[in-house]
Amino acid sequence: MRRPRVDWMTRADDAILEFLLNEGNRPLNATPAVVQANINYEISHVRNRLRELHSAGLVEYYDEDRGIYRITEKGRAYLAGEIDAEELEK
């Protein structure tokens, strides 16, 4: 599977999206702290990357008041290599 690459994305972005996809099982809804505990990046970096992924439409809020995120269909398509890099440019 070949994923599109864009300048603003980092390795942490893939790790975050893969964690939220939960290896193809039922996608997870998670706070930045839960994501951080499972992918071993600093919490501040995870929060920043989640904001960027949200801005790009790859994740969305499941519960904005509680800060819980989930992967979107666009995020799933990115992981599957089904979208073009232009769709991810800001």
N, C-alpha and C. Protein backbone atom coordinates (compact mmCIF):
# COMPACT_ATOMS: atom_id res chain seq x y z
N MET A 1 0.85 -1.17 0.00
CA MET A 1 0.00 0.00 0.00
C MET A 1 0.90 1.23 0.00
N ARG A 2 0.66 2.09 -0.95
CA ARG A 2 1.47 3.30 -1.10
C ARG A 2 0.63 4.51 -0.68
N ARG A 3 1.11 5.20 0.33
CA ARG A 3 0.39 6.37 0.83
C ARG A 3 0.95 7.65 0.23
N PRO A 4 0.08 8.62 0.02
CA PRO A 4 0.57 9.90 -0.49
C PRO A 4 1.45 10.59 0.55
N ARG A 5 2.45 11.31 0.11
CA ARG A 5 3.34 12.05 1.01
C ARG A 5 3.21 13.54 0.73
N VAL A 6 3.04 14.28 1.80
CA VAL A 6 3.01 15.74 1.69
C VAL A 6 3.95 16.31 2.75
N ASP A 7 4.45 17.52 2.48
CA ASP A 7 5.48 18.12 3.32
C ASP A 7 5.08 18.30 4.78
N TRP A 8 3.84 18.61 5.03
CA TRP A 8 3.44 18.93 6.40
C TRP A 8 3.26 17.69 7.28
N MET A 9 3.17 16.52 6.69
CA MET A 9 2.92 15.31 7.47
C MET A 9 4.21 14.76 8.08
N THR A 10 4.07 14.10 9.24
CA THR A 10 5.21 13.53 9.96
C THR A 10 4.96 12.03 10.19
N ARG A 11 5.98 11.35 10.67
CA ARG A 11 5.82 9.92 11.01
C ARG A 11 4.77 9.73 12.10
N ALA A 12 4.69 10.69 12.99
CA ALA A 12 3.70 10.60 14.07
C ALA A 12 2.29 10.56 13.50
N ASP A 13 2.05 11.25 12.39
CA ASP A 13 0.72 11.27 11.80
C ASP A 13 0.27 9.87 11.41
N ASP A 14 1.16 9.13 10.76
CA ASP A 14 0.82 7.75 10.40
C ASP A 14 0.55 6.91 11.65
N ALA A 15 1.39 7.07 12.66
CA ALA A 15 1.21 6.30 13.90
C ALA A 15 -0.13 6.62 14.56
N ILE A 16 -0.49 7.89 14.59
CA ILE A 16 -1.76 8.31 15.18
C ILE A 16 -2.93 7.71 14.41
N LEU A 17 -2.91 7.86 13.09
CA LEU A 17 -4.01 7.34 12.27
C LEU A 17 -4.11 5.83 12.37
N GLU A 18 -2.98 5.15 12.34
CA GLU A 18 -3.01 3.68 12.46
C GLU A 18 -3.55 3.25 13.81
N PHE A 19 -3.18 3.97 14.87
CA PHE A 19 -3.72 3.64 16.19
C PHE A 19 -5.24 3.82 16.21
N LEU A 20 -5.72 4.95 15.68
CA LEU A 20 -7.15 5.21 15.70
C LEU A 20 -7.93 4.24 14.82
N LEU A 21 -7.29 3.74 13.76
CA LEU A 21 -7.96 2.75 12.91
C LEU A 21 -8.04 1.40 13.62
N ASN A 22 -7.14 1.17 14.56
CA ASN A 22 -7.18 -0.06 15.36
C ASN A 22 -7.02 -1.31 14.51
N GLU A 23 -6.05 -1.26 13.59
CA GLU A 23 -5.72 -2.41 12.74
C GLU A 23 -6.93 -2.98 12.01
N GLY A 24 -7.81 -2.11 11.54
CA GLY A 24 -8.93 -2.55 10.73
C GLY A 24 -10.13 -3.03 11.52
N ASN A 25 -9.97 -3.18 12.82
CA ASN A 25 -11.12 -3.56 13.65
C ASN A 25 -11.97 -2.32 13.87
N ARG A 26 -12.82 -2.36 14.83
CA ARG A 26 -13.66 -1.21 15.13
C ARG A 26 -12.77 -0.02 15.49
N PRO A 27 -12.87 1.10 14.75
CA PRO A 27 -12.02 2.26 15.03
C PRO A 27 -12.18 2.74 16.47
N LEU A 28 -11.10 3.26 16.98
CA LEU A 28 -11.08 3.76 18.36
C LEU A 28 -11.47 5.23 18.42
N ASN A 29 -12.07 5.61 19.51
CA ASN A 29 -12.29 7.00 19.87
C ASN A 29 -11.35 7.26 21.03
N ALA A 30 -10.47 8.26 20.90
CA ALA A 30 -9.44 8.41 21.92
C ALA A 30 -9.05 9.87 22.15
N THR A 31 -8.65 10.14 23.37
CA THR A 31 -8.10 11.45 23.72
C THR A 31 -6.63 11.48 23.32
N PRO A 32 -6.04 12.67 23.23
CA PRO A 32 -4.61 12.74 22.95
C PRO A 32 -3.77 11.93 23.94
N ALA A 33 -4.15 11.90 25.21
CA ALA A 33 -3.39 11.16 26.22
C ALA A 33 -3.41 9.66 25.95
N VAL A 34 -4.55 9.13 25.52
CA VAL A 34 -4.65 7.71 25.21
C VAL A 34 -3.80 7.40 23.97
N VAL A 35 -3.86 8.26 22.97
CA VAL A 35 -3.03 8.07 21.78
C VAL A 35 -1.56 8.08 22.17
N GLN A 36 -1.16 9.08 22.94
CA GLN A 36 0.24 9.23 23.36
C GLN A 36 0.73 7.99 24.10
N ALA A 37 -0.07 7.44 24.96
CA ALA A 37 0.33 6.28 25.74
C ALA A 37 0.57 5.04 24.87
N ASN A 38 0.01 5.05 23.67
CA ASN A 38 0.11 3.89 22.80
C ASN A 38 1.09 4.04 21.63
N ILE A 39 1.54 5.25 21.37
CA ILE A 39 2.45 5.43 20.23
C ILE A 39 3.80 6.02 20.63
N ASN A 40 3.98 6.36 21.89
CA ASN A 40 5.27 6.81 22.41
C ASN A 40 5.83 8.09 21.79
N TYR A 41 4.97 9.06 21.59
CA TYR A 41 5.38 10.41 21.25
C TYR A 41 4.97 11.31 22.41
N GLU A 42 5.65 12.43 22.58
CA GLU A 42 5.31 13.37 23.65
C GLU A 42 3.87 13.87 23.47
N ILE A 43 3.19 14.09 24.58
CA ILE A 43 1.79 14.50 24.54
C ILE A 43 1.61 15.82 23.77
N SER A 44 2.53 16.76 23.94
CA SER A 44 2.41 18.04 23.22
C SER A 44 2.49 17.82 21.71
N HIS A 45 3.34 16.89 21.28
CA HIS A 45 3.46 16.59 19.85
C HIS A 45 2.19 15.91 19.35
N VAL A 46 1.66 14.99 20.11
CA VAL A 46 0.42 14.30 19.72
C VAL A 46 -0.72 15.31 19.60
N ARG A 47 -0.85 16.20 20.55
CA ARG A 47 -1.92 17.22 20.48
C ARG A 47 -1.76 18.08 19.23
N ASN A 48 -0.54 18.51 18.96
CA ASN A 48 -0.27 19.34 17.79
C ASN A 48 -0.61 18.59 16.51
N ARG A 49 -0.18 17.35 16.41
CA ARG A 49 -0.44 16.57 15.21
C ARG A 49 -1.93 16.28 15.04
N LEU A 50 -2.64 16.02 16.12
CA LEU A 50 -4.09 15.81 16.02
C LEU A 50 -4.78 17.07 15.50
N ARG A 51 -4.33 18.24 15.93
CA ARG A 51 -4.90 19.48 15.40
C ARG A 51 -4.66 19.59 13.89
N GLU A 52 -3.45 19.25 13.45
CA GLU A 52 -3.13 19.29 12.02
C GLU A 52 -3.94 18.26 11.24
N LEU A 53 -4.05 17.07 11.76
CA LEU A 53 -4.84 16.02 11.10
C LEU A 53 -6.31 16.41 11.05
N HIS A 54 -6.80 17.06 12.09
CA HIS A 54 -8.19 17.55 12.12
C HIS A 54 -8.38 18.61 11.04
N SER A 55 -7.44 19.52 10.94
CA SER A 55 -7.51 20.58 9.94
C SER A 55 -7.55 20.01 8.52
N ALA A 56 -6.86 18.90 8.31
CA ALA A 56 -6.81 18.25 6.99
C ALA A 56 -7.99 17.31 6.75
N GLY A 57 -8.84 17.12 7.76
CA GLY A 57 -10.00 16.25 7.60
C GLY A 57 -9.71 14.77 7.76
N LEU A 58 -8.54 14.43 8.32
CA LEU A 58 -8.19 13.02 8.50
C LEU A 58 -8.69 12.46 9.82
N VAL A 59 -8.92 13.33 10.79
CA VAL A 59 -9.57 12.95 12.04
C VAL A 59 -10.66 13.97 12.32
N GLU A 60 -11.58 13.59 13.17
CA GLU A 60 -12.66 14.50 13.58
C GLU A 60 -12.90 14.31 15.06
N TYR A 61 -13.64 15.25 15.63
CA TYR A 61 -14.01 15.08 17.03
C TYR A 61 -15.15 14.08 17.14
N TYR A 62 -14.98 13.13 18.01
CA TYR A 62 -16.08 12.26 18.42
C TYR A 62 -16.86 12.98 19.49
N ASP A 63 -16.15 13.63 20.40
CA ASP A 63 -16.73 14.43 21.48
C ASP A 63 -15.80 15.61 21.72
N GLU A 64 -16.13 16.75 21.14
CA GLU A 64 -15.25 17.92 21.23
C GLU A 64 -15.10 18.42 22.66
N ASP A 65 -16.16 18.39 23.43
CA ASP A 65 -16.09 18.87 24.82
C ASP A 65 -15.09 18.07 25.65
N ARG A 66 -14.96 16.80 25.37
CA ARG A 66 -14.04 15.94 26.13
C ARG A 66 -12.72 15.72 25.39
N GLY A 67 -12.57 16.31 24.19
CA GLY A 67 -11.33 16.19 23.44
C GLY A 67 -11.07 14.80 22.90
N ILE A 68 -12.13 14.13 22.48
CA ILE A 68 -11.99 12.76 21.96
C ILE A 68 -12.05 12.80 20.44
N TYR A 69 -11.06 12.18 19.82
CA TYR A 69 -10.94 12.14 18.36
C TYR A 69 -11.25 10.75 17.82
N ARG A 70 -11.57 10.73 16.51
CA ARG A 70 -11.68 9.47 15.78
C ARG A 70 -11.24 9.71 14.34
N ILE A 71 -10.87 8.65 13.66
CA ILE A 71 -10.43 8.74 12.27
C ILE A 71 -11.65 8.95 11.37
N THR A 72 -11.48 9.69 10.29
CA THR A 72 -12.56 9.92 9.32
C THR A 72 -12.43 8.95 8.15
N GLU A 73 -13.40 8.97 7.27
CA GLU A 73 -13.31 8.17 6.05
C GLU A 73 -12.12 8.63 5.21
N LYS A 74 -11.86 9.93 5.19
CA LYS A 74 -10.69 10.44 4.47
C LYS A 74 -9.40 9.89 5.09
N GLY A 75 -9.36 9.80 6.41
CA GLY A 75 -8.20 9.23 7.08
C GLY A 75 -8.01 7.77 6.74
N ARG A 76 -9.10 7.04 6.66
CA ARG A 76 -9.03 5.63 6.26
C ARG A 76 -8.54 5.51 4.82
N ALA A 77 -9.04 6.38 3.96
CA ALA A 77 -8.62 6.36 2.55
C ALA A 77 -7.13 6.68 2.43
N TYR A 78 -6.65 7.62 3.24
CA TYR A 78 -5.22 7.93 3.25
C TYR A 78 -4.41 6.69 3.62
N LEU A 79 -4.77 6.02 4.69
CA LEU A 79 -4.04 4.83 5.13
C LEU A 79 -4.06 3.73 4.08
N ALA A 80 -5.15 3.64 3.34
CA ALA A 80 -5.28 2.61 2.30
C ALA A 80 -4.61 3.02 1.00
N GLY A 81 -4.08 4.26 0.93
CA GLY A 81 -3.44 4.73 -0.29
C GLY A 81 -4.43 5.05 -1.39
N GLU A 82 -5.64 5.40 -1.02
CA GLU A 82 -6.70 5.62 -1.99
C GLU A 82 -6.95 7.08 -2.34
N ILE A 83 -6.14 8.02 -1.81
CA ILE A 83 -6.33 9.42 -2.15
C ILE A 83 -5.01 10.00 -2.67
N ASP A 84 -5.11 11.08 -3.41
CA ASP A 84 -3.94 11.74 -3.96
C ASP A 84 -3.38 12.74 -2.98
N ALA A 85 -2.09 13.01 -3.09
CA ALA A 85 -1.41 13.96 -2.22
C ALA A 85 -2.05 15.34 -2.30
N GLU A 86 -2.54 15.72 -3.48
CA GLU A 86 -3.16 17.05 -3.62
C GLU A 86 -4.35 17.24 -2.68
N GLU A 87 -5.03 16.16 -2.38
CA GLU A 87 -6.17 16.23 -1.47
C GLU A 87 -5.75 16.55 -0.04
N LEU A 88 -4.47 16.38 0.26
CA LEU A 88 -3.97 16.61 1.61
C LEU A 88 -3.20 17.92 1.73
N GLU A 89 -2.96 18.58 0.60
CA GLU A 89 -2.24 19.85 0.66
C GLU A 89 -3.11 20.90 1.32
N LYS A 90 -2.45 21.79 2.06
CA LYS A 90 -3.19 22.84 2.75
C LYS A 90 -3.29 24.08 1.91
